[in-house]
Amino acid sequence: MSDRKHVVIVGGGFGGISVAKKLKKADVDITIIDKNNHHLFQPLLYQVATAALSPGDIAVPIRAILGQRKGLKVLLGKVTGVNQKEKFVSLESDQKVDFDYLVLSPGAQYDYFGNDNWKRHAPGLKSVGDALQIRERILLSLEKAEQLEDPKLREPYLTFVVIGGGPTGVEMAGAIGEIAKRNMMRDYNTFSKNETRIFLVEAAPKILNGYPDSLSERARETLEDMGVRVLLNTPVTDISHQKVSFSEGAIDTPNIIWAAGVAASPLLSSLETGQDRTGRVFVNNDLSIPDHPNIFVIGDAAHKKDEDGNPLPALAPVAIQQGEFLGTLIRSEINKKERESFSYVDKGTMATIGRAKAVADIRGFKFSGFFAWILWSVVHIFFLIGFRNRFRVFVEWMWHYFTFKRGVRLITDRFSENEDRNNS
């Protein structure tokens, strides 16, 4: 019987992949489990949703990333529970996988604040399927508007509402603004770009909460200049078929995109340990959970405070650093070295708003406009996995920058058929 320890990693996102890569030369067996067979670069999902990139540009098969290695196994499946006492995880297929070390990095999901029926009418943006659904909804709306002569009848199809003023919402609203006001308008003859309406709805008094006020205001002004109406202090009260309602009025449109609250994976509830109000698990300084030093939680699933006592943000750099830390920790512990505490190095935050428009806060230095956009572009290309993806995304961005054209404008009828079936 082998004495090699078995490390089970749940989740093939930034954190899980970082752990596996760090352990690649360690004397351990590794099993990585994910409900998808690919690693997804979520920060660029909105570009798939707005027809700027193809899914294959930002997704790579997990097996291709990790390559071949003795003792490495990749399982396609959904983990439904964790047995802490007997040290195994349960899969939806009733399979059980034993572990010596368990790393949970299952990511997060959108929180509709108890209104789960809203999800049907306002999809979020967490998967390739979500992005393709939103892309088809946008393209179908433009096609339907092209067939209507009455401006009043086509108004809903030329209206777009993004709910949530975080980075994803800002980036999505800016991208739609470019589509609606410039990129695709040359392809349609019935309506003009002046008929399109884009709304970014935020319940808080500012967008990009967590960014300096000056950058938040700069982002708002840039969006307004692009034709996006930013509605602050405007909580959503209801979402129904082709309608989003507020305390004062409503907007009729089939194009409603949810980018608001985020909740942790329901898998974490099986740990029977402390969780915050969003479901994230409170972890120790070494990222393990209380009373179980062999079970770790990282990324969007972990509640870990920084030196100022604030929870670390749900960002890719946090998950990557935590994954690398854990890989080193497990290797050290196997070599009978003492554990260290995780410390996050904040290298800054940034968000793009549109073509040559972005905001960035890099260690207290604030940038906006073209230079911030260059920084954002370089960082995101660097974090993409694989030369092929980096090259393809760079080429697509250059093509888009100089031609103002988006190349992936396909409707496969997949979404339209499902919508018709649901509404029949």
Protein backbone atom coordinates (compact mmCIF):
# COMPACT_ATOMS: atom_id res chain seq x y z
CA MET A 1 0.00 0.00 0.00
CA SER A 2 1.37 3.40 -0.98
CA ASP A 3 2.36 5.94 1.69
CA ARG A 4 1.78 8.82 -0.71
CA LYS A 5 -0.74 11.35 0.52
CA HIS A 6 -3.84 11.97 -1.56
CA VAL A 7 -4.76 15.60 -2.21
CA VAL A 8 -8.29 16.17 -3.49
CA ILE A 9 -9.01 19.56 -5.07
CA VAL A 10 -12.61 20.57 -5.68
CA GLY A 11 -12.82 23.24 -8.38
CA GLY A 12 -10.76 23.88 -11.49
CA GLY A 13 -10.77 27.67 -11.19
CA PHE A 14 -7.84 29.95 -10.44
CA GLY A 15 -7.32 28.62 -6.92
CA GLY A 16 -7.66 24.92 -7.66
CA ILE A 17 -5.40 25.05 -10.71
CA SER A 18 -2.76 26.99 -8.75
CA VAL A 19 -2.69 24.31 -6.02
CA ALA A 20 -2.38 21.50 -8.57
CA LYS A 21 0.42 23.22 -10.50
CA LYS A 22 2.34 23.93 -7.30
CA LEU A 23 2.07 20.25 -6.30
CA LYS A 24 3.02 18.92 -9.72
CA LYS A 25 6.49 17.77 -8.60
CA ALA A 26 5.49 16.86 -5.05
CA ASP A 27 5.38 13.27 -3.83
CA VAL A 28 1.56 13.17 -3.61
CA ASP A 29 -1.38 11.85 -5.58
CA ILE A 30 -3.74 14.55 -6.84
CA THR A 31 -7.38 14.33 -7.84
CA ILE A 32 -9.03 17.48 -9.16
CA ILE A 33 -12.83 17.44 -9.45
CA ASP A 34 -14.92 19.95 -11.37
CA LYS A 35 -18.41 19.96 -12.85
CA ASN A 36 -16.86 21.28 -16.09
CA ASN A 37 -13.94 19.81 -17.99
CA HIS A 38 -12.34 23.22 -18.49
CA HIS A 39 -10.78 26.09 -16.63
CA LEU A 40 -12.63 29.33 -17.40
CA PHE A 41 -11.12 32.81 -17.35
CA GLN A 42 -14.20 34.44 -15.84
CA PRO A 43 -12.99 38.09 -15.97
CA LEU A 44 -13.44 38.01 -19.77
CA LEU A 45 -16.80 36.22 -19.87
CA TYR A 46 -18.56 39.50 -20.58
CA GLN A 47 -16.61 39.70 -23.87
CA VAL A 48 -18.06 36.36 -24.92
CA ALA A 49 -21.51 37.67 -23.96
CA THR A 50 -21.00 40.76 -26.11
CA ALA A 51 -19.62 38.91 -29.15
CA ALA A 52 -16.03 40.12 -28.83
CA LEU A 53 -14.47 36.71 -28.06
CA SER A 54 -15.26 33.05 -28.60
CA PRO A 55 -15.64 30.65 -25.65
CA GLY A 56 -12.49 28.81 -26.73
CA ASP A 57 -10.47 32.01 -26.33
CA ILE A 58 -10.98 32.07 -22.56
CA ALA A 59 -11.47 28.38 -21.66
CA VAL A 60 -8.87 25.60 -21.59
CA PRO A 61 -9.41 21.89 -20.79
CA ILE A 62 -8.12 21.13 -17.28
CA ARG A 63 -6.24 18.09 -18.52
CA ALA A 64 -4.44 20.22 -21.10
CA ILE A 65 -3.33 22.66 -18.39
CA LEU A 66 -1.96 20.06 -15.98
CA GLY A 67 -0.59 17.62 -18.55
CA GLN A 68 0.42 14.07 -17.74
CA ARG A 69 1.81 13.23 -14.32
CA LYS A 70 1.99 10.07 -12.26
CA GLY A 71 -0.76 10.05 -9.64
CA LEU A 72 -2.78 12.88 -11.24
CA LYS A 73 -6.46 12.31 -11.97
CA VAL A 74 -9.09 14.71 -13.29
CA LEU A 75 -12.73 13.84 -12.57
CA LEU A 76 -15.73 15.40 -14.27
CA GLY A 77 -18.45 15.55 -11.63
CA LYS A 78 -20.31 17.59 -9.06
CA VAL A 79 -19.30 17.28 -5.40
CA THR A 80 -22.38 17.26 -3.18
CA GLY A 81 -20.93 16.80 0.29
CA VAL A 82 -17.89 16.39 2.53
CA ASN A 83 -17.55 13.78 5.27
CA GLN A 84 -15.00 15.38 7.59
CA LYS A 85 -14.79 12.46 10.03
CA GLU A 86 -14.23 9.70 7.51
CA LYS A 87 -12.35 11.98 5.09
CA PHE A 88 -14.12 11.55 1.79
CA VAL A 89 -16.17 13.67 -0.62
CA SER A 90 -19.42 12.51 -2.21
CA LEU A 91 -20.23 13.09 -5.86
CA GLU A 92 -23.63 13.45 -7.48
CA SER A 93 -22.97 10.11 -9.18
CA ASP A 94 -22.80 8.44 -5.70
CA GLN A 95 -19.05 8.00 -6.10
CA LYS A 96 -16.88 8.61 -3.02
CA VAL A 97 -13.33 9.94 -3.16
CA ASP A 98 -11.09 9.57 -0.10
CA PHE A 99 -8.59 12.27 0.82
CA ASP A 100 -5.71 13.04 3.15
CA TYR A 101 -5.82 16.72 2.25
CA LEU A 102 -8.90 18.43 0.84
CA VAL A 103 -8.84 21.81 -0.91
CA LEU A 104 -12.24 23.37 -1.58
CA SER A 105 -12.30 26.03 -4.27
CA PRO A 106 -15.83 25.68 -5.68
CA GLY A 107 -16.23 29.35 -6.62
CA ALA A 108 -19.40 31.36 -6.14
CA GLN A 109 -22.81 31.87 -7.68
CA TYR A 110 -25.10 34.85 -8.09
CA ASP A 111 -27.41 35.65 -5.20
CA TYR A 112 -30.91 36.79 -6.16
CA PHE A 113 -31.68 37.67 -2.53
CA GLY A 114 -34.34 35.02 -2.13
CA ASN A 115 -35.98 35.74 -5.49
CA ASP A 116 -34.80 32.67 -7.38
CA ASN A 117 -37.53 33.11 -10.00
CA TRP A 118 -35.70 36.24 -11.19
CA LYS A 119 -32.90 34.06 -12.54
CA ARG A 120 -35.09 32.88 -15.41
CA HIS A 121 -35.58 36.43 -16.68
CA ALA A 122 -32.24 37.96 -15.65
CA PRO A 123 -29.36 35.51 -16.22
CA GLY A 124 -26.06 36.05 -14.46
CA LEU A 125 -22.59 35.65 -15.92
CA LYS A 126 -20.69 32.78 -14.32
CA SER A 127 -20.31 30.20 -17.10
CA VAL A 128 -19.84 29.85 -20.84
CA GLY A 129 -23.50 28.82 -21.07
CA ASP A 130 -24.54 32.05 -19.32
CA ALA A 131 -22.44 34.13 -21.69
CA LEU A 132 -23.84 32.44 -24.80
CA GLN A 133 -27.39 32.83 -23.51
CA ILE A 134 -26.88 36.56 -22.97
CA ARG A 135 -25.17 36.95 -26.35
CA GLU A 136 -28.06 35.32 -28.15
CA ARG A 137 -30.59 37.38 -26.22
CA ILE A 138 -28.84 40.60 -27.29
CA LEU A 139 -28.48 39.54 -30.93
CA LEU A 140 -32.06 38.27 -31.13
CA SER A 141 -33.33 41.58 -29.78
CA LEU A 142 -31.50 43.51 -32.47
CA GLU A 143 -32.90 41.17 -35.13
CA LYS A 144 -36.46 41.59 -33.81
CA ALA A 145 -36.07 45.37 -33.68
CA GLU A 146 -34.95 45.34 -37.31
CA GLN A 147 -38.30 43.81 -38.30
CA LEU A 148 -40.50 46.39 -36.52
CA GLU A 149 -41.39 49.66 -38.24
CA ASP A 150 -43.11 51.22 -35.21
CA PRO A 151 -40.51 52.87 -32.91
CA LYS A 152 -42.72 52.22 -29.86
CA LEU A 153 -42.93 48.50 -30.59
CA ARG A 154 -39.20 48.10 -31.09
CA GLU A 155 -38.22 50.21 -28.05
CA PRO A 156 -38.08 47.25 -25.59
CA TYR A 157 -35.78 45.32 -27.93
CA LEU A 158 -33.38 48.27 -28.08
CA THR A 159 -33.32 48.63 -24.29
CA PHE A 160 -30.70 46.91 -22.12
CA VAL A 161 -30.64 46.77 -18.31
CA VAL A 162 -27.60 45.61 -16.32
CA ILE A 163 -28.29 45.15 -12.61
CA GLY A 164 -25.27 45.58 -10.33
CA GLY A 165 -22.56 48.25 -10.41
CA GLY A 166 -19.55 46.09 -9.58
CA PRO A 167 -16.72 45.43 -12.06
CA THR A 168 -18.74 42.86 -14.03
CA GLY A 169 -21.75 45.16 -14.30
CA VAL A 170 -19.64 48.15 -15.32
CA GLU A 171 -17.73 46.15 -17.92
CA MET A 172 -20.91 44.61 -19.28
CA ALA A 173 -22.74 47.95 -19.52
CA GLY A 174 -19.76 49.55 -21.25
CA ALA A 175 -19.48 46.70 -23.76
CA ILE A 176 -23.20 46.85 -24.56
CA GLY A 177 -22.86 50.62 -24.92
CA GLU A 178 -20.22 50.08 -27.58
CA ILE A 179 -22.37 47.53 -29.38
CA ALA A 180 -25.53 49.61 -29.26
CA LYS A 181 -23.98 52.96 -30.07
CA ARG A 182 -21.34 52.04 -32.60
CA ASN A 183 -20.14 48.51 -33.37
CA MET A 184 -23.19 46.76 -34.78
CA MET A 185 -25.40 49.65 -35.80
CA ARG A 186 -23.92 49.74 -39.29
CA ASP A 187 -25.46 46.31 -39.91
CA TYR A 188 -29.06 47.43 -39.32
CA ASN A 189 -31.19 49.77 -41.42
CA THR A 190 -34.54 50.05 -39.62
CA PHE A 191 -33.36 51.81 -36.46
CA SER A 192 -30.58 54.18 -35.45
CA LYS A 193 -28.13 54.14 -32.55
CA ASN A 194 -30.04 57.02 -30.93
CA GLU A 195 -32.96 54.68 -30.28
CA THR A 196 -30.94 52.35 -28.05
CA ARG A 197 -31.11 52.73 -24.28
CA ILE A 198 -28.69 51.17 -21.79
CA PHE A 199 -29.22 51.29 -18.03
CA LEU A 200 -26.80 50.31 -15.27
CA VAL A 201 -28.80 49.90 -12.06
CA GLU A 202 -27.13 50.00 -8.64
CA ALA A 203 -28.80 49.96 -5.21
CA ALA A 204 -25.83 51.69 -3.54
CA PRO A 205 -24.91 55.39 -3.86
CA LYS A 206 -21.96 54.64 -6.17
CA ILE A 207 -20.71 52.07 -8.67
CA LEU A 208 -17.48 50.10 -8.22
CA ASN A 209 -17.89 49.89 -4.48
CA GLY A 210 -14.46 49.31 -2.92
CA TYR A 211 -12.71 51.54 -5.44
CA PRO A 212 -11.64 55.08 -4.50
CA ASP A 213 -14.49 57.59 -4.89
CA SER A 214 -12.59 59.50 -7.59
CA LEU A 215 -12.29 56.39 -9.80
CA SER A 216 -15.90 55.40 -9.15
CA GLU A 217 -17.07 58.84 -10.25
CA ARG A 218 -14.75 58.76 -13.25
CA ALA A 219 -16.22 55.41 -14.30
CA ARG A 220 -19.76 56.78 -13.94
CA GLU A 221 -18.94 59.82 -16.06
CA THR A 222 -17.32 57.65 -18.75
CA LEU A 223 -20.35 55.38 -18.92
CA GLU A 224 -22.68 58.37 -19.19
CA ASP A 225 -20.54 59.74 -22.05
CA MET A 226 -20.94 56.36 -23.79
CA GLY A 227 -24.72 56.64 -23.59
CA VAL A 228 -25.26 54.46 -20.49
CA ARG A 229 -27.70 55.82 -17.91
CA VAL A 230 -26.39 55.02 -14.43
CA LEU A 231 -29.21 54.71 -11.89
CA LEU A 232 -27.81 54.95 -8.34
CA ASN A 233 -29.76 54.31 -5.12
CA THR A 234 -32.18 52.27 -7.21
CA PRO A 235 -32.90 48.82 -5.75
CA VAL A 236 -34.80 46.35 -7.91
CA THR A 237 -38.20 45.34 -6.51
CA ASP A 238 -39.24 42.75 -9.09
CA ILE A 239 -38.18 41.05 -12.30
CA SER A 240 -40.72 39.36 -14.53
CA HIS A 241 -40.95 38.36 -18.20
CA GLN A 242 -39.41 41.26 -20.16
CA LYS A 243 -39.80 43.73 -17.28
CA VAL A 244 -37.69 44.99 -14.37
CA SER A 245 -39.44 47.04 -11.67
CA PHE A 246 -38.22 49.59 -9.13
CA SER A 247 -39.96 51.50 -6.35
CA GLU A 248 -40.55 54.30 -8.85
CA GLY A 249 -41.41 52.91 -12.27
CA ALA A 250 -40.35 49.99 -14.45
CA ILE A 251 -38.45 49.27 -17.68
CA ASP A 252 -39.82 46.93 -20.35
CA THR A 253 -37.12 44.87 -22.05
CA PRO A 254 -36.14 41.23 -22.65
CA ASN A 255 -32.49 42.24 -22.12
CA ILE A 256 -32.02 42.06 -18.35
CA ILE A 257 -28.61 40.95 -17.05
CA TRP A 258 -27.89 40.21 -13.39
CA ALA A 259 -24.49 41.23 -12.02
CA ALA A 260 -25.45 42.05 -8.43
CA GLY A 261 -25.16 39.95 -5.26
CA VAL A 262 -22.85 36.95 -5.00
CA ALA A 263 -23.22 33.95 -2.70
CA ALA A 264 -20.81 31.13 -1.97
CA SER A 265 -21.31 27.58 -3.22
CA PRO A 266 -23.97 25.58 -1.32
CA LEU A 267 -21.39 22.79 -1.00
CA LEU A 268 -19.80 24.71 1.88
CA SER A 269 -22.83 24.15 4.09
CA SER A 270 -21.87 20.47 4.35
CA LEU A 271 -18.73 21.43 6.31
CA GLU A 272 -20.72 22.31 9.44
CA THR A 273 -18.44 25.22 10.27
CA GLY A 274 -18.85 28.98 10.58
CA GLN A 275 -19.98 30.94 7.52
CA ASP A 276 -20.55 34.65 6.86
CA ARG A 277 -23.80 36.10 5.52
CA THR A 278 -22.85 35.28 1.92
CA GLY A 279 -22.01 31.67 2.79
CA ARG A 280 -18.21 31.98 2.74
CA VAL A 281 -16.38 29.84 5.28
CA PHE A 282 -14.31 31.43 8.05
CA VAL A 283 -10.79 30.03 7.75
CA ASN A 284 -7.68 30.01 9.92
CA ASN A 285 -4.47 31.85 9.08
CA ASP A 286 -3.27 28.81 7.13
CA LEU A 287 -6.61 28.68 5.20
CA SER A 288 -7.74 25.51 7.00
CA ILE A 289 -11.13 25.33 8.71
CA PRO A 290 -11.35 25.19 12.53
CA ASP A 291 -10.65 21.74 14.05
CA HIS A 292 -9.80 20.23 10.66
CA PRO A 293 -6.20 21.09 9.70
CA ASN A 294 -6.37 18.85 6.62
CA ILE A 295 -9.36 20.66 5.02
CA PHE A 296 -8.74 24.01 3.32
CA VAL A 297 -11.05 26.55 1.70
CA ILE A 298 -9.77 29.17 -0.75
CA GLY A 299 -10.89 31.74 -3.32
CA ASP A 300 -14.48 32.99 -3.45
CA ALA A 301 -15.45 30.34 -0.88
CA ALA A 302 -13.15 31.58 1.92
CA HIS A 303 -13.67 34.40 4.40
CA LYS A 304 -10.15 35.55 5.26
CA LYS A 305 -9.41 39.00 6.64
CA ASP A 306 -6.53 41.21 5.56
CA GLU A 307 -4.25 43.18 7.88
CA ASP A 308 -6.90 45.90 8.24
CA GLY A 309 -9.58 43.43 9.28
CA ASN A 310 -11.47 43.54 5.97
CA PRO A 311 -12.43 40.34 4.11
CA LEU A 312 -10.24 39.65 1.11
CA PRO A 313 -12.05 40.41 -2.16
CA ALA A 314 -13.35 37.66 -4.44
CA LEU A 315 -10.73 38.30 -7.12
CA ALA A 316 -8.56 36.03 -9.24
CA PRO A 317 -5.25 37.27 -7.72
CA VAL A 318 -6.47 36.32 -4.24
CA ALA A 319 -7.37 32.78 -5.35
CA ILE A 320 -4.09 32.37 -7.24
CA GLN A 321 -1.97 33.48 -4.28
CA GLN A 322 -3.93 31.27 -1.90
CA GLY A 323 -3.54 28.30 -4.23
CA GLU A 324 0.21 28.78 -4.53
CA PHE A 325 0.47 29.19 -0.74
CA LEU A 326 -1.44 25.95 -0.14
CA GLY A 327 0.62 23.99 -2.64
CA THR A 328 3.78 25.11 -0.85
CA LEU A 329 2.23 24.41 2.58
CA ILE A 330 1.26 20.83 1.71
CA ARG A 331 4.69 20.12 0.25
CA SER A 332 6.36 21.55 3.35
CA GLU A 333 4.15 19.60 5.73
CA ILE A 334 4.96 16.34 3.96
CA ASN A 335 8.60 17.25 4.60
CA LYS A 336 7.68 17.82 8.28
CA LYS A 337 8.07 21.59 8.27
CA GLU A 338 5.90 23.93 10.33
CA ARG A 339 2.99 25.73 8.71
CA GLU A 340 3.12 29.41 7.92
CA SER A 341 0.27 31.95 7.75
CA PHE A 342 -1.16 33.21 4.48
CA SER A 343 -0.64 36.89 3.70
CA TYR A 344 -2.17 38.48 0.61
CA VAL A 345 -0.11 40.90 -1.45
CA ASP A 346 -2.50 43.41 -2.97
CA LYS A 347 -1.21 44.39 -6.39
CA GLY A 348 -4.18 46.61 -7.20
CA THR A 349 -7.62 46.51 -8.76
CA MET A 350 -8.83 47.57 -12.18
CA ALA A 351 -11.93 47.54 -14.36
CA THR A 352 -12.42 48.28 -18.03
CA ILE A 353 -15.32 50.39 -19.24
CA GLY A 354 -14.89 50.17 -22.98
CA ARG A 355 -12.50 50.65 -25.84
CA ALA A 356 -9.44 52.50 -24.47
CA LYS A 357 -11.36 53.29 -21.28
CA ALA A 358 -10.62 51.83 -17.84
CA VAL A 359 -9.89 52.71 -14.21
CA ALA A 360 -7.10 51.25 -12.06
CA ASP A 361 -5.94 51.59 -8.47
CA ILE A 362 -2.39 50.22 -8.19
CA ARG A 363 -1.08 50.45 -4.65
CA GLY A 364 -2.51 53.91 -4.10
CA PHE A 365 -1.72 55.19 -7.60
CA LYS A 366 -4.92 55.96 -9.50
CA PHE A 367 -5.19 55.81 -13.28
CA SER A 368 -8.02 56.19 -15.75
CA GLY A 369 -8.50 56.36 -19.51
CA PHE A 370 -6.17 54.91 -22.12
CA PHE A 371 -3.21 54.14 -19.83
CA ALA A 372 -5.43 52.28 -17.37
CA TRP A 373 -6.89 50.32 -20.30
CA ILE A 374 -3.39 49.31 -21.45
CA LEU A 375 -2.59 48.13 -17.90
CA TRP A 376 -5.86 46.19 -17.75
CA SER A 377 -5.20 44.57 -21.14
CA VAL A 378 -1.64 43.50 -20.30
CA VAL A 379 -2.65 42.04 -16.92
CA HIS A 380 -5.57 40.07 -18.36
CA ILE A 381 -3.53 38.66 -21.23
CA PHE A 382 -0.84 37.67 -18.73
CA PHE A 383 -3.33 35.77 -16.55
CA LEU A 384 -4.78 33.84 -19.50
CA ILE A 385 -3.52 30.26 -19.55
CA GLY A 386 -1.67 29.13 -22.66
CA PHE A 387 0.17 30.93 -25.47
CA ARG A 388 -2.61 30.13 -27.96
CA ASN A 389 -5.27 31.89 -25.89
CA ARG A 390 -3.05 34.88 -25.20
CA PHE A 391 -2.22 35.26 -28.88
CA ARG A 392 -5.83 34.86 -30.05
CA VAL A 393 -7.20 37.35 -27.50
CA PHE A 394 -4.47 39.86 -28.37
CA VAL A 395 -5.26 39.57 -32.08
CA GLU A 396 -9.03 39.90 -31.48
CA TRP A 397 -8.50 42.99 -29.33
CA MET A 398 -6.26 44.60 -31.91
CA TRP A 399 -8.80 43.82 -34.66
CA HIS A 400 -11.59 45.26 -32.56
CA TYR A 401 -9.55 48.34 -31.63
CA PHE A 402 -8.74 49.31 -35.22
CA THR A 403 -11.92 48.16 -37.00
CA PHE A 404 -14.62 48.59 -34.30
CA LYS A 405 -15.98 45.18 -35.41
CA ARG A 406 -16.97 42.24 -33.22
CA GLY A 407 -16.52 38.93 -34.96
CA VAL A 408 -18.60 36.34 -33.05
CA ARG A 409 -22.17 37.38 -33.90
CA LEU A 410 -23.83 34.00 -34.25
CA ILE A 411 -27.38 33.02 -33.33
CA THR A 412 -27.87 29.26 -33.08
CA ASP A 413 -31.56 29.43 -32.01
CA ARG A 414 -30.63 27.50 -28.87
CA PHE A 415 -31.80 30.26 -26.53
CA SER A 416 -34.72 31.44 -28.61
CA GLU A 417 -36.17 27.92 -28.79
CA ASN A 418 -35.85 27.46 -25.04
CA GLU A 419 -37.47 30.83 -24.40
CA ASP A 420 -40.40 30.07 -26.70
CA ARG A 421 -40.86 26.69 -25.04
CA ASN A 422 -40.84 28.23 -21.53
CA ASN A 423 -43.32 30.93 -22.48
CA SER A 424 -45.72 28.67 -24.34
